[in-house]
Amino acid sequence: MAGVWGVWLENMFYFTSGEGSRKARNIHANPNVVLCPDRADRAVIVEGVAEKVAWSSVPPRFRPAYKKKYDWDIDSSMGPAYVVRPRVVFGIIENAGSSPGASRWRFR
C-alpha cells in the first residue's frame, strides 16, 4: 500500500509521482495498486489499476482542487500524472460513534 497525495474526480483518483520514484517504477512493473490518501482518522483505501496519463488528459479541476486540499501548486514539472480506475474503495472513520465506521464501494 502506498500513501499518496491526490484528488478524487469523476470517479477516479488522480495523483502525481516523480518519474524515477519507487512508486512510478512499481506502477510501471505492475499497475495494480492499493493507495491510501492522507488522513488516517478518516481513511480511504483505493484498490484499482493505475495508468500514467498525459497532463492534457487530467481534468482542469485537478490543479485547483489539489491547491485547495494541500496548499500546494502542482504542475507537470513535478512528474507525470496518474489516474487510478478503482475496483474497490474502502472508507473508514475512526470513532464513528453510532454511525457505521466502515463502508465499501465496488466499481465496474
PDB file of N, CA and C in Angstrom:
ATOM      1  N   MET A   1       0.851  -1.166   0.000  1.00  0.00           N
ATOM      2  CA  MET A   1       0.000   0.000   0.000  1.00  0.00           C
ATOM      3  C   MET A   1       0.900   1.232   0.000  1.00  0.00           C
ATOM      4  N   ALA A   2       0.483   2.236  -0.765  1.00  0.00           N
ATOM      5  CA  ALA A   2       1.252   3.473  -0.846  1.00  0.00           C
ATOM      6  C   ALA A   2       0.383   4.643  -0.399  1.00  0.00           C
ATOM      7  N   GLY A   3       0.926   5.469   0.449  1.00  0.00           N
ATOM      8  CA  GLY A   3       0.258   6.708   0.820  1.00  0.00           C
ATOM      9  C   GLY A   3       0.573   7.766  -0.229  1.00  0.00           C
ATOM     10  N   VAL A   4      -0.433   8.440  -0.728  1.00  0.00           N
ATOM     11  CA  VAL A   4      -0.220   9.453  -1.766  1.00  0.00           C
ATOM     12  C   VAL A   4      -1.110  10.660  -1.540  1.00  0.00           C
ATOM     13  N   TRP A   5      -0.647  11.788  -2.032  1.00  0.00           N
ATOM     14  CA  TRP A   5      -1.489  12.978  -2.115  1.00  0.00           C
ATOM     15  C   TRP A   5      -2.173  12.937  -3.470  1.00  0.00           C
ATOM     16  N   GLY A   6      -3.464  13.151  -3.483  1.00  0.00           N
ATOM     17  CA  GLY A   6      -4.192  13.130  -4.741  1.00  0.00           C
ATOM     18  C   GLY A   6      -5.599  13.644  -4.570  1.00  0.00           C
ATOM     19  N   VAL A   7      -6.339  13.629  -5.661  1.00  0.00           N
ATOM     20  CA  VAL A   7      -7.684  14.189  -5.692  1.00  0.00           C
ATOM     21  C   VAL A   7      -8.617  13.216  -6.405  1.00  0.00           C
ATOM     22  N   TRP A   8      -9.782  13.032  -5.836  1.00  0.00           N
ATOM     23  CA  TRP A   8     -10.833  12.182  -6.394  1.00  0.00           C
ATOM     24  C   TRP A   8     -11.698  13.052  -7.311  1.00  0.00           C
ATOM     25  N   LEU A   9     -11.713  12.743  -8.609  1.00  0.00           N
ATOM     26  CA  LEU A   9     -12.513  13.475  -9.589  1.00  0.00           C
ATOM     27  C   LEU A   9     -13.136  12.494 -10.570  1.00  0.00           C
ATOM     28  N   GLU A  10     -14.409  12.695 -10.860  1.00  0.00           N
ATOM     29  CA  GLU A  10     -15.096  11.916 -11.899  1.00  0.00           C
ATOM     30  C   GLU A  10     -14.931  10.405 -11.689  1.00  0.00           C
ATOM     31  N   ASN A  11     -15.092   9.965 -10.438  1.00  0.00           N
ATOM     32  CA  ASN A  11     -14.997   8.548 -10.056  1.00  0.00           C
ATOM     33  C   ASN A  11     -13.637   7.927 -10.310  1.00  0.00           C
ATOM     34  N   MET A  12     -12.594   8.768 -10.326  1.00  0.00           N
ATOM     35  CA  MET A  12     -11.230   8.286 -10.469  1.00  0.00           C
ATOM     36  C   MET A  12     -10.335   9.095  -9.536  1.00  0.00           C
ATOM     37  N   PHE A  13      -9.204   8.492  -9.164  1.00  0.00           N
ATOM     38  CA  PHE A  13      -8.266   9.147  -8.265  1.00  0.00           C
ATOM     39  C   PHE A  13      -7.038   9.581  -9.059  1.00  0.00           C
ATOM     40  N   TYR A  14      -6.725  10.880  -9.019  1.00  0.00           N
ATOM     41  CA  TYR A  14      -5.593  11.451  -9.747  1.00  0.00           C
ATOM     42  C   TYR A  14      -4.488  11.824  -8.768  1.00  0.00           C
ATOM     43  N   PHE A  15      -3.245  11.522  -9.136  1.00  0.00           N
ATOM     44  CA  PHE A  15      -2.105  11.888  -8.314  1.00  0.00           C
ATOM     45  C   PHE A  15      -0.879  12.016  -9.207  1.00  0.00           C
ATOM     46  N   THR A  16       0.227  12.451  -8.633  1.00  0.00           N
ATOM     47  CA  THR A  16       1.478  12.547  -9.373  1.00  0.00           C
ATOM     48  C   THR A  16       2.559  11.793  -8.622  1.00  0.00           C
ATOM     49  N   SER A  17       3.634  11.516  -9.335  1.00  0.00           N
ATOM     50  CA  SER A  17       4.791  10.874  -8.721  1.00  0.00           C
ATOM     51  C   SER A  17       5.993  11.168  -9.602  1.00  0.00           C
ATOM     52  N   GLY A  18       7.132  11.349  -8.996  1.00  0.00           N
ATOM     53  CA  GLY A  18       8.340  11.592  -9.772  1.00  0.00           C
ATOM     54  C   GLY A  18       8.614  10.459 -10.743  1.00  0.00           C
ATOM     55  N   GLU A  19       9.100  10.805 -11.911  1.00  0.00           N
ATOM     56  CA  GLU A  19       9.336   9.818 -12.976  1.00  0.00           C
ATOM     57  C   GLU A  19      10.193   8.644 -12.514  1.00  0.00           C
ATOM     58  N   GLY A  20      11.245   8.904 -11.767  1.00  0.00           N
ATOM     59  CA  GLY A  20      12.138   7.836 -11.331  1.00  0.00           C
ATOM     60  C   GLY A  20      11.864   7.316  -9.935  1.00  0.00           C
ATOM     61  N   SER A  21      10.730   7.717  -9.341  1.00  0.00           N
ATOM     62  CA  SER A  21      10.418   7.300  -7.970  1.00  0.00           C
ATOM     63  C   SER A  21      10.129   5.802  -7.895  1.00  0.00           C
ATOM     64  N   ARG A  22      10.253   5.259  -6.720  1.00  0.00           N
ATOM     65  CA  ARG A  22       9.920   3.845  -6.496  1.00  0.00           C
ATOM     66  C   ARG A  22       8.468   3.586  -6.884  1.00  0.00           C
ATOM     67  N   LYS A  23       7.571   4.495  -6.518  1.00  0.00           N
ATOM     68  CA  LYS A  23       6.144   4.329  -6.841  1.00  0.00           C
ATOM     69  C   LYS A  23       5.932   4.235  -8.355  1.00  0.00           C
ATOM     70  N   ALA A  24       6.568   5.142  -9.117  1.00  0.00           N
ATOM     71  CA  ALA A  24       6.424   5.135 -10.574  1.00  0.00           C
ATOM     72  C   ALA A  24       6.987   3.842 -11.167  1.00  0.00           C
ATOM     73  N   ARG A  25       8.133   3.401 -10.671  1.00  0.00           N
ATOM     74  CA  ARG A  25       8.722   2.151 -11.182  1.00  0.00           C
ATOM     75  C   ARG A  25       7.842   0.954 -10.848  1.00  0.00           C
ATOM     76  N   ASN A  26       7.257   0.950  -9.641  1.00  0.00           N
ATOM     77  CA  ASN A  26       6.353  -0.148  -9.267  1.00  0.00           C
ATOM     78  C   ASN A  26       5.109  -0.171 -10.147  1.00  0.00           C
ATOM     79  N   ILE A  27       4.550   1.001 -10.414  1.00  0.00           N
ATOM     80  CA  ILE A  27       3.354   1.066 -11.273  1.00  0.00           C
ATOM     81  C   ILE A  27       3.689   0.586 -12.678  1.00  0.00           C
ATOM     82  N   HIS A  28       4.865   0.964 -13.172  1.00  0.00           N
ATOM     83  CA  HIS A  28       5.277   0.516 -14.499  1.00  0.00           C
ATOM     84  C   HIS A  28       5.377  -1.016 -14.549  1.00  0.00           C
ATOM     85  N   ALA A  29       5.893  -1.626 -13.480  1.00  0.00           N
ATOM     86  CA  ALA A  29       6.050  -3.078 -13.419  1.00  0.00           C
ATOM     87  C   ALA A  29       4.723  -3.788 -13.183  1.00  0.00           C
ATOM     88  N   ASN A  30       3.838  -3.168 -12.399  1.00  0.00           N
ATOM     89  CA  ASN A  30       2.542  -3.774 -12.073  1.00  0.00           C
ATOM     90  C   ASN A  30       1.550  -2.661 -11.767  1.00  0.00           C
ATOM     91  N   PRO A  31       0.621  -2.386 -12.667  1.00  0.00           N
ATOM     92  CA  PRO A  31      -0.293  -1.261 -12.474  1.00  0.00           C
ATOM     93  C   PRO A  31      -1.402  -1.492 -11.445  1.00  0.00           C
ATOM     94  N   ASN A  32      -1.501  -2.707 -10.898  1.00  0.00           N
ATOM     95  CA  ASN A  32      -2.489  -2.962  -9.851  1.00  0.00           C
ATOM     96  C   ASN A  32      -1.983  -2.330  -8.561  1.00  0.00           C
ATOM     97  N   VAL A  33      -2.776  -1.421  -7.990  1.00  0.00           N
ATOM     98  CA  VAL A  33      -2.315  -0.651  -6.833  1.00  0.00           C
ATOM     99  C   VAL A  33      -3.332  -0.667  -5.702  1.00  0.00           C
ATOM    100  N   VAL A  34      -2.827  -0.394  -4.508  1.00  0.00           N
ATOM    101  CA  VAL A  34      -3.631  -0.085  -3.335  1.00  0.00           C
ATOM    102  C   VAL A  34      -3.052   1.218  -2.802  1.00  0.00           C
ATOM    103  N   LEU A  35      -3.882   2.250  -2.774  1.00  0.00           N
ATOM    104  CA  LEU A  35      -3.453   3.578  -2.353  1.00  0.00           C
ATOM    105  C   LEU A  35      -4.262   4.042  -1.168  1.00  0.00           C
ATOM    106  N   CYS A  36      -3.632   4.834  -0.335  1.00  0.00           N
ATOM    107  CA  CYS A  36      -4.322   5.431   0.793  1.00  0.00           C
ATOM    108  C   CYS A  36      -3.975   6.909   0.846  1.00  0.00           C
ATOM    109  N   PRO A  37      -4.899   7.771   0.423  1.00  0.00           N
ATOM    110  CA  PRO A  37      -4.647   9.203   0.600  1.00  0.00           C
ATOM    111  C   PRO A  37      -4.522   9.526   2.088  1.00  0.00           C
ATOM    112  N   ASP A  38      -4.090  10.742   2.385  1.00  0.00           N
ATOM    113  CA  ASP A  38      -3.834  11.137   3.771  1.00  0.00           C
ATOM    114  C   ASP A  38      -5.085  11.081   4.653  1.00  0.00           C
ATOM    115  N   ARG A  39      -4.919  11.321   5.930  1.00  0.00           N
ATOM    116  CA  ARG A  39      -5.947  11.347   6.978  1.00  0.00           C
ATOM    117  C   ARG A  39      -6.261   9.957   7.496  1.00  0.00           C
ATOM    118  N   ALA A  40      -5.472   9.493   8.411  1.00  0.00           N
ATOM    119  CA  ALA A  40      -5.666   8.169   8.985  1.00  0.00           C
ATOM    120  C   ALA A  40      -6.965   8.052   9.773  1.00  0.00           C
ATOM    121  N   ASP A  41      -7.461   9.158  10.352  1.00  0.00           N
ATOM    122  CA  ASP A  41      -8.694   9.087  11.136  1.00  0.00           C
ATOM    123  C   ASP A  41      -9.938   8.988  10.257  1.00  0.00           C
ATOM    124  N   ARG A  42      -9.804   9.301   8.986  1.00  0.00           N
ATOM    125  CA  ARG A  42     -10.883   9.165   8.004  1.00  0.00           C
ATOM    126  C   ARG A  42     -10.285   8.556   6.746  1.00  0.00           C
ATOM    127  N   ALA A  43      -9.835   7.333   6.878  1.00  0.00           N
ATOM    128  CA  ALA A  43      -9.071   6.681   5.819  1.00  0.00           C
ATOM    129  C   ALA A  43      -9.939   6.304   4.631  1.00  0.00           C
ATOM    130  N   VAL A  44      -9.354   6.455   3.472  1.00  0.00           N
ATOM    131  CA  VAL A  44      -9.920   5.974   2.220  1.00  0.00           C
ATOM    132  C   VAL A  44      -8.853   5.093   1.592  1.00  0.00           C
ATOM    133  N   ILE A  45      -9.216   3.887   1.256  1.00  0.00           N
ATOM    134  CA  ILE A  45      -8.285   2.946   0.646  1.00  0.00           C
ATOM    135  C   ILE A  45      -8.837   2.598  -0.725  1.00  0.00           C
ATOM    136  N   VAL A  46      -8.030   2.835  -1.744  1.00  0.00           N
ATOM    137  CA  VAL A  46      -8.459   2.652  -3.129  1.00  0.00           C
ATOM    138  C   VAL A  46      -7.678   1.495  -3.730  1.00  0.00           C
ATOM    139  N   GLU A  47      -8.396   0.480  -4.205  1.00  0.00           N
ATOM    140  CA  GLU A  47      -7.784  -0.624  -4.944  1.00  0.00           C
ATOM    141  C   GLU A  47      -8.181  -0.469  -6.397  1.00  0.00           C
ATOM    142  N   GLY A  48      -7.209  -0.538  -7.297  1.00  0.00           N
ATOM    143  CA  GLY A  48      -7.544  -0.404  -8.704  1.00  0.00           C
ATOM    144  C   GLY A  48      -6.329  -0.510  -9.590  1.00  0.00           C
ATOM    145  N   VAL A  49      -6.484   0.011 -10.789  1.00  0.00           N
ATOM    146  CA  VAL A  49      -5.427  -0.034 -11.787  1.00  0.00           C
ATOM    147  C   VAL A  49      -4.961   1.390 -12.071  1.00  0.00           C
ATOM    148  N   ALA A  50      -3.665   1.624 -11.925  1.00  0.00           N
ATOM    149  CA  ALA A  50      -3.084   2.946 -12.173  1.00  0.00           C
ATOM    150  C   ALA A  50      -2.589   3.026 -13.612  1.00  0.00           C
ATOM    151  N   GLU A  51      -2.732   4.209 -14.170  1.00  0.00           N
ATOM    152  CA  GLU A  51      -2.262   4.450 -15.533  1.00  0.00           C
ATOM    153  C   GLU A  51      -1.633   5.835 -15.600  1.00  0.00           C
ATOM    154  N   LYS A  52      -0.467   5.903 -16.193  1.00  0.00           N
ATOM    155  CA  LYS A  52       0.173   7.197 -16.432  1.00  0.00           C
ATOM    156  C   LYS A  52      -0.602   7.888 -17.545  1.00  0.00           C
ATOM    157  N   VAL A  53      -0.941   9.155 -17.330  1.00  0.00           N
ATOM    158  CA  VAL A  53      -1.730   9.888 -18.322  1.00  0.00           C
ATOM    159  C   VAL A  53      -1.046  11.208 -18.667  1.00  0.00           C
ATOM    160  N   ALA A  54      -1.325  11.693 -19.849  1.00  0.00           N
ATOM    161  CA  ALA A  54      -0.813  12.995 -20.264  1.00  0.00           C
ATOM    162  C   ALA A  54      -1.478  14.076 -19.425  1.00  0.00           C
ATOM    163  N   TRP A  55      -0.716  15.096 -19.090  1.00  0.00           N
ATOM    164  CA  TRP A  55      -1.284  16.191 -18.301  1.00  0.00           C
ATOM    165  C   TRP A  55      -2.484  16.814 -19.005  1.00  0.00           C
ATOM    166  N   SER A  56      -2.513  16.773 -20.322  1.00  0.00           N
ATOM    167  CA  SER A  56      -3.652  17.332 -21.061  1.00  0.00           C
ATOM    168  C   SER A  56      -4.917  16.504 -20.848  1.00  0.00           C
ATOM    169  N   SER A  57      -4.778  15.270 -20.345  1.00  0.00           N
ATOM    170  CA  SER A  57      -5.933  14.407 -20.064  1.00  0.00           C
ATOM    171  C   SER A  57      -6.462  14.557 -18.645  1.00  0.00           C
ATOM    172  N   VAL A  58      -5.710  15.232 -17.796  1.00  0.00           N
ATOM    173  CA  VAL A  58      -6.124  15.427 -16.403  1.00  0.00           C
ATOM    174  C   VAL A  58      -7.226  16.494 -16.384  1.00  0.00           C
ATOM    175  N   PRO A  59      -8.322  16.243 -15.669  1.00  0.00           N
ATOM    176  CA  PRO A  59      -9.398  17.244 -15.622  1.00  0.00           C
ATOM    177  C   PRO A  59      -8.877  18.600 -15.153  1.00  0.00           C
ATOM    178  N   PRO A  60      -9.357  19.687 -15.758  1.00  0.00           N
ATOM    179  CA  PRO A  60      -8.907  21.028 -15.377  1.00  0.00           C
ATOM    180  C   PRO A  60      -9.099  21.335 -13.894  1.00  0.00           C
ATOM    181  N   ARG A  61     -10.041  20.680 -13.246  1.00  0.00           N
ATOM    182  CA  ARG A  61     -10.298  20.922 -11.819  1.00  0.00           C
ATOM    183  C   ARG A  61      -9.217  20.337 -10.912  1.00  0.00           C
ATOM    184  N   PHE A  62      -8.342  19.489 -11.461  1.00  0.00           N
ATOM    185  CA  PHE A  62      -7.335  18.825 -10.628  1.00  0.00           C
ATOM    186  C   PHE A  62      -6.428  19.824  -9.916  1.00  0.00           C
ATOM    187  N   ARG A  63      -5.842  20.730 -10.650  1.00  0.00           N
ATOM    188  CA  ARG A  63      -4.879  21.669 -10.044  1.00  0.00           C
ATOM    189  C   ARG A  63      -5.516  22.526  -8.948  1.00  0.00           C
ATOM    190  N   PRO A  64      -6.669  23.189  -9.202  1.00  0.00           N
ATOM    191  CA  PRO A  64      -7.249  23.989  -8.115  1.00  0.00           C
ATOM    192  C   PRO A  64      -7.711  23.135  -6.921  1.00  0.00           C
ATOM    193  N   ALA A  65      -8.198  21.924  -7.180  1.00  0.00           N
ATOM    194  CA  ALA A  65      -8.619  21.052  -6.079  1.00  0.00           C
ATOM    195  C   ALA A  65      -7.409  20.619  -5.253  1.00  0.00           C
ATOM    196  N   TYR A  66      -6.313  20.315  -5.914  1.00  0.00           N
ATOM    197  CA  TYR A  66      -5.080  19.932  -5.230  1.00  0.00           C
ATOM    198  C   TYR A  66      -4.563  21.096  -4.394  1.00  0.00           C
ATOM    199  N   LYS A  67      -4.570  22.297  -4.968  1.00  0.00           N
ATOM    200  CA  LYS A  67      -4.121  23.500  -4.266  1.00  0.00           C
ATOM    201  C   LYS A  67      -4.964  23.737  -3.018  1.00  0.00           C
ATOM    202  N   LYS A  68      -6.274  23.599  -3.153  1.00  0.00           N
ATOM    203  CA  LYS A  68      -7.177  23.823  -2.017  1.00  0.00           C
ATOM    204  C   LYS A  68      -6.944  22.769  -0.922  1.00  0.00           C
ATOM    205  N   LYS A  69      -6.770  21.530  -1.322  1.00  0.00           N
ATOM    206  CA  LYS A  69      -6.632  20.437  -0.361  1.00  0.00           C
ATOM    207  C   LYS A  69      -5.282  20.458   0.362  1.00  0.00           C
ATOM    208  N   TYR A  70      -4.201  20.734  -0.380  1.00  0.00           N
ATOM    209  CA  TYR A  70      -2.860  20.614   0.191  1.00  0.00           C
ATOM    210  C   TYR A  70      -2.093  21.931   0.282  1.00  0.00           C
ATOM    211  N   ASP A  71      -2.669  23.019  -0.222  1.00  0.00           N
ATOM    212  CA  ASP A  71      -1.973  24.305  -0.296  1.00  0.00           C
ATOM    213  C   ASP A  71      -0.641  24.138  -1.035  1.00  0.00           C
ATOM    214  N   TRP A  72      -0.709  23.480  -2.183  1.00  0.00           N
ATOM    215  CA  TRP A  72       0.478  23.190  -2.980  1.00  0.00           C
ATOM    216  C   TRP A  72       0.127  23.348  -4.450  1.00  0.00           C
ATOM    217  N   ASP A  73       0.934  24.124  -5.174  1.00  0.00           N
ATOM    218  CA  ASP A  73       0.737  24.291  -6.614  1.00  0.00           C
ATOM    219  C   ASP A  73       1.400  23.128  -7.344  1.00  0.00           C
ATOM    220  N   ILE A  74       0.593  22.261  -7.894  1.00  0.00           N
ATOM    221  CA  ILE A  74       1.101  21.084  -8.597  1.00  0.00           C
ATOM    222  C   ILE A  74       1.175  21.394 -10.089  1.00  0.00           C
ATOM    223  N   ASP A  75       2.226  20.913 -10.752  1.00  0.00           N
ATOM    224  CA  ASP A  75       2.297  21.071 -12.204  1.00  0.00           C
ATOM    225  C   ASP A  75       3.141  19.947 -12.800  1.00  0.00           C
ATOM    226  N   SER A  76       3.193  19.922 -14.104  1.00  0.00           N
ATOM    227  CA  SER A  76       3.838  18.815 -14.809  1.00  0.00           C
ATOM    228  C   SER A  76       5.336  18.724 -14.541  1.00  0.00           C
ATOM    229  N   SER A  77       5.967  19.793 -14.064  1.00  0.00           N
ATOM    230  CA  SER A  77       7.399  19.729 -13.774  1.00  0.00           C
ATOM    231  C   SER A  77       7.697  18.808 -12.583  1.00  0.00           C
ATOM    232  N   MET A  78       6.674  18.465 -11.822  1.00  0.00           N
ATOM    233  CA  MET A  78       6.860  17.620 -10.633  1.00  0.00           C
ATOM    234  C   MET A  78       6.724  16.136 -10.942  1.00  0.00           C
ATOM    235  N   GLY A  79       6.533  15.812 -12.195  1.00  0.00           N
ATOM    236  CA  GLY A  79       6.442  14.408 -12.583  1.00  0.00           C
ATOM    237  C   GLY A  79       5.155  14.110 -13.301  1.00  0.00           C
ATOM    238  N   PRO A  80       5.048  12.887 -13.770  1.00  0.00           N
ATOM    239  CA  PRO A  80       3.862  12.508 -14.525  1.00  0.00           C
ATOM    240  C   PRO A  80       2.609  12.432 -13.647  1.00  0.00           C
ATOM    241  N   ALA A  81       1.490  12.537 -14.304  1.00  0.00           N
ATOM    242  CA  ALA A  81       0.197  12.365 -13.641  1.00  0.00           C
ATOM    243  C   ALA A  81      -0.249  10.919 -13.832  1.00  0.00           C
ATOM    244  N   TYR A  82      -0.963  10.433 -12.833  1.00  0.00           N
ATOM    245  CA  TYR A  82      -1.516   9.080 -12.878  1.00  0.00           C
ATOM    246  C   TYR A  82      -2.992   9.149 -12.529  1.00  0.00           C
ATOM    247  N   VAL A  83      -3.734   8.198 -13.060  1.00  0.00           N
ATOM    248  CA  VAL A  83      -5.131   8.052 -12.696  1.00  0.00           C
ATOM    249  C   VAL A  83      -5.340   6.604 -12.255  1.00  0.00           C
ATOM    250  N   VAL A  84      -6.097   6.444 -11.197  1.00  0.00           N
ATOM    251  CA  VAL A  84      -6.470   5.100 -10.741  1.00  0.00           C
ATOM    252  C   VAL A  84      -7.947   4.913 -11.003  1.00  0.00           C
ATOM    253  N   ARG A  85      -8.228   3.900 -11.777  1.00  0.00           N
ATOM    254  CA  ARG A  85      -9.614   3.498 -12.002  1.00  0.00           C
ATOM    255  C   ARG A  85      -9.918   2.445 -10.942  1.00  0.00           C
ATOM    256  N   PRO A  86     -10.745   2.801  -9.979  1.00  0.00           N
ATOM    257  CA  PRO A  86     -10.924   1.912  -8.820  1.00  0.00           C
ATOM    258  C   PRO A  86     -11.745   0.677  -9.140  1.00  0.00           C
ATOM    259  N   ARG A  87     -11.419  -0.402  -8.435  1.00  0.00           N
ATOM    260  CA  ARG A  87     -12.253  -1.605  -8.419  1.00  0.00           C
ATOM    261  C   ARG A  87     -13.053  -1.638  -7.125  1.00  0.00           C
ATOM    262  N   VAL A  88     -12.357  -1.319  -6.023  1.00  0.00           N
ATOM    263  CA  VAL A  88     -12.980  -1.301  -4.708  1.00  0.00           C
ATOM    264  C   VAL A  88     -12.415  -0.107  -3.941  1.00  0.00           C
ATOM    265  N   VAL A  89     -13.293   0.571  -3.203  1.00  0.00           N
ATOM    266  CA  VAL A  89     -12.869   1.655  -2.323  1.00  0.00           C
ATOM    267  C   VAL A  89     -13.438   1.381  -0.946  1.00  0.00           C
ATOM    268  N   PHE A  90     -12.585   1.499   0.068  1.00  0.00           N
ATOM    269  CA  PHE A  90     -12.997   1.338   1.451  1.00  0.00           C
ATOM    270  C   PHE A  90     -12.898   2.691   2.144  1.00  0.00           C
ATOM    271  N   GLY A  91     -13.873   3.002   2.956  1.00  0.00           N
ATOM    272  CA  GLY A  91     -13.834   4.207   3.770  1.00  0.00           C
ATOM    273  C   GLY A  91     -13.961   3.816   5.227  1.00  0.00           C
ATOM    274  N   ILE A  92     -13.090   4.361   6.066  1.00  0.00           N
ATOM    275  CA  ILE A  92     -13.086   4.013   7.496  1.00  0.00           C
ATOM    276  C   ILE A  92     -13.021   5.306   8.295  1.00  0.00           C
ATOM    277  N   ILE A  93     -13.971   5.473   9.207  1.00  0.00           N
ATOM    278  CA  ILE A  93     -13.984   6.633  10.096  1.00  0.00           C
ATOM    279  C   ILE A  93     -13.702   6.146  11.511  1.00  0.00           C
ATOM    280  N   GLU A  94     -12.602   6.617  12.055  1.00  0.00           N
ATOM    281  CA  GLU A  94     -12.237   6.254  13.416  1.00  0.00           C
ATOM    282  C   GLU A  94     -13.199   6.919  14.388  1.00  0.00           C
ATOM    283  N   ASN A  95     -13.619   6.193  15.425  1.00  0.00           N
ATOM    284  CA  ASN A  95     -14.534   6.717  16.449  1.00  0.00           C
ATOM    285  C   ASN A  95     -15.814   7.271  15.823  1.00  0.00           C
ATOM    286  N   ALA A  96     -16.451   6.463  15.005  1.00  0.00           N
ATOM    287  CA  ALA A  96     -17.645   6.895  14.281  1.00  0.00           C
ATOM    288  C   ALA A  96     -18.871   7.019  15.176  1.00  0.00           C
ATOM    289  N   GLY A  97     -18.790   6.566  16.397  1.00  0.00           N
ATOM    290  CA  GLY A  97     -19.943   6.650  17.292  1.00  0.00           C
ATOM    291  C   GLY A  97     -21.039   5.702  16.840  1.00  0.00           C
ATOM    292  N   SER A  98     -22.261   6.202  16.719  1.00  0.00           N
ATOM    293  CA  SER A  98     -23.390   5.345  16.366  1.00  0.00           C
ATOM    294  C   SER A  98     -23.499   5.101  14.868  1.00  0.00           C
ATOM    295  N   SER A  99     -22.800   5.887  14.042  1.00  0.00           N
ATOM    296  CA  SER A  99     -22.880   5.671  12.593  1.00  0.00           C
ATOM    297  C   SER A  99     -21.905   4.570  12.181  1.00  0.00           C
ATOM    298  N   PRO A 100     -22.142   3.955  11.021  1.00  0.00           N
ATOM    299  CA  PRO A 100     -21.226   2.904  10.568  1.00  0.00           C
ATOM    300  C   PRO A 100     -19.803   3.446  10.444  1.00  0.00           C
ATOM    301  N   GLY A 101     -18.842   2.683  10.912  1.00  0.00           N
ATOM    302  CA  GLY A 101     -17.454   3.121  10.885  1.00  0.00           C
ATOM    303  C   GLY A 101     -16.726   2.761   9.610  1.00  0.00           C
ATOM    304  N   ALA A 102     -17.315   1.870   8.806  1.00  0.00           N
ATOM    305  CA  ALA A 102     -16.632   1.441   7.585  1.00  0.00           C
ATOM    306  C   ALA A 102     -17.652   1.215   6.473  1.00  0.00           C
ATOM    307  N   SER A 103     -17.224   1.498   5.260  1.00  0.00           N
ATOM    308  CA  SER A 103     -18.057   1.273   4.077  1.00  0.00           C
ATOM    309  C   SER A 103     -17.182   0.731   2.965  1.00  0.00           C
ATOM    310  N   ARG A 104     -17.822   0.043   2.015  1.00  0.00           N
ATOM    311  CA  ARG A 104     -17.113  -0.467   0.856  1.00  0.00           C
ATOM    312  C   ARG A 104     -17.946  -0.178  -0.387  1.00  0.00           C
ATOM    313  N   TRP A 105     -17.277   0.296  -1.432  1.00  0.00           N
ATOM    314  CA  TRP A 105     -17.930   0.557  -2.703  1.00  0.00           C
ATOM    315  C   TRP A 105     -17.212  -0.239  -3.778  1.00  0.00           C
ATOM    316  N   ARG A 106     -17.964  -0.875  -4.656  1.00  0.00           N
ATOM    317  CA  ARG A 106     -17.397  -1.624  -5.778  1.00  0.00           C
ATOM    318  C   ARG A 106     -17.689  -0.880  -7.080  1.00  0.00           C
ATOM    319  N   PHE A 107     -16.725  -0.899  -7.977  1.00  0.00           N
ATOM    320  CA  PHE A 107     -16.848  -0.235  -9.273  1.00  0.00           C
ATOM    321  C   PHE A 107     -16.714  -1.262 -10.380  1.00  0.00           C
ATOM    322  N   ARG A 108     -17.300  -0.973 -11.503  1.00  0.00           N
ATOM    323  CA  ARG A 108     -17.184  -1.881 -12.658  1.00  0.00           C
ATOM    324  C   ARG A 108     -15.882  -1.690 -13.357  1.00  0.00           C
TER     325      ARG A 108
END
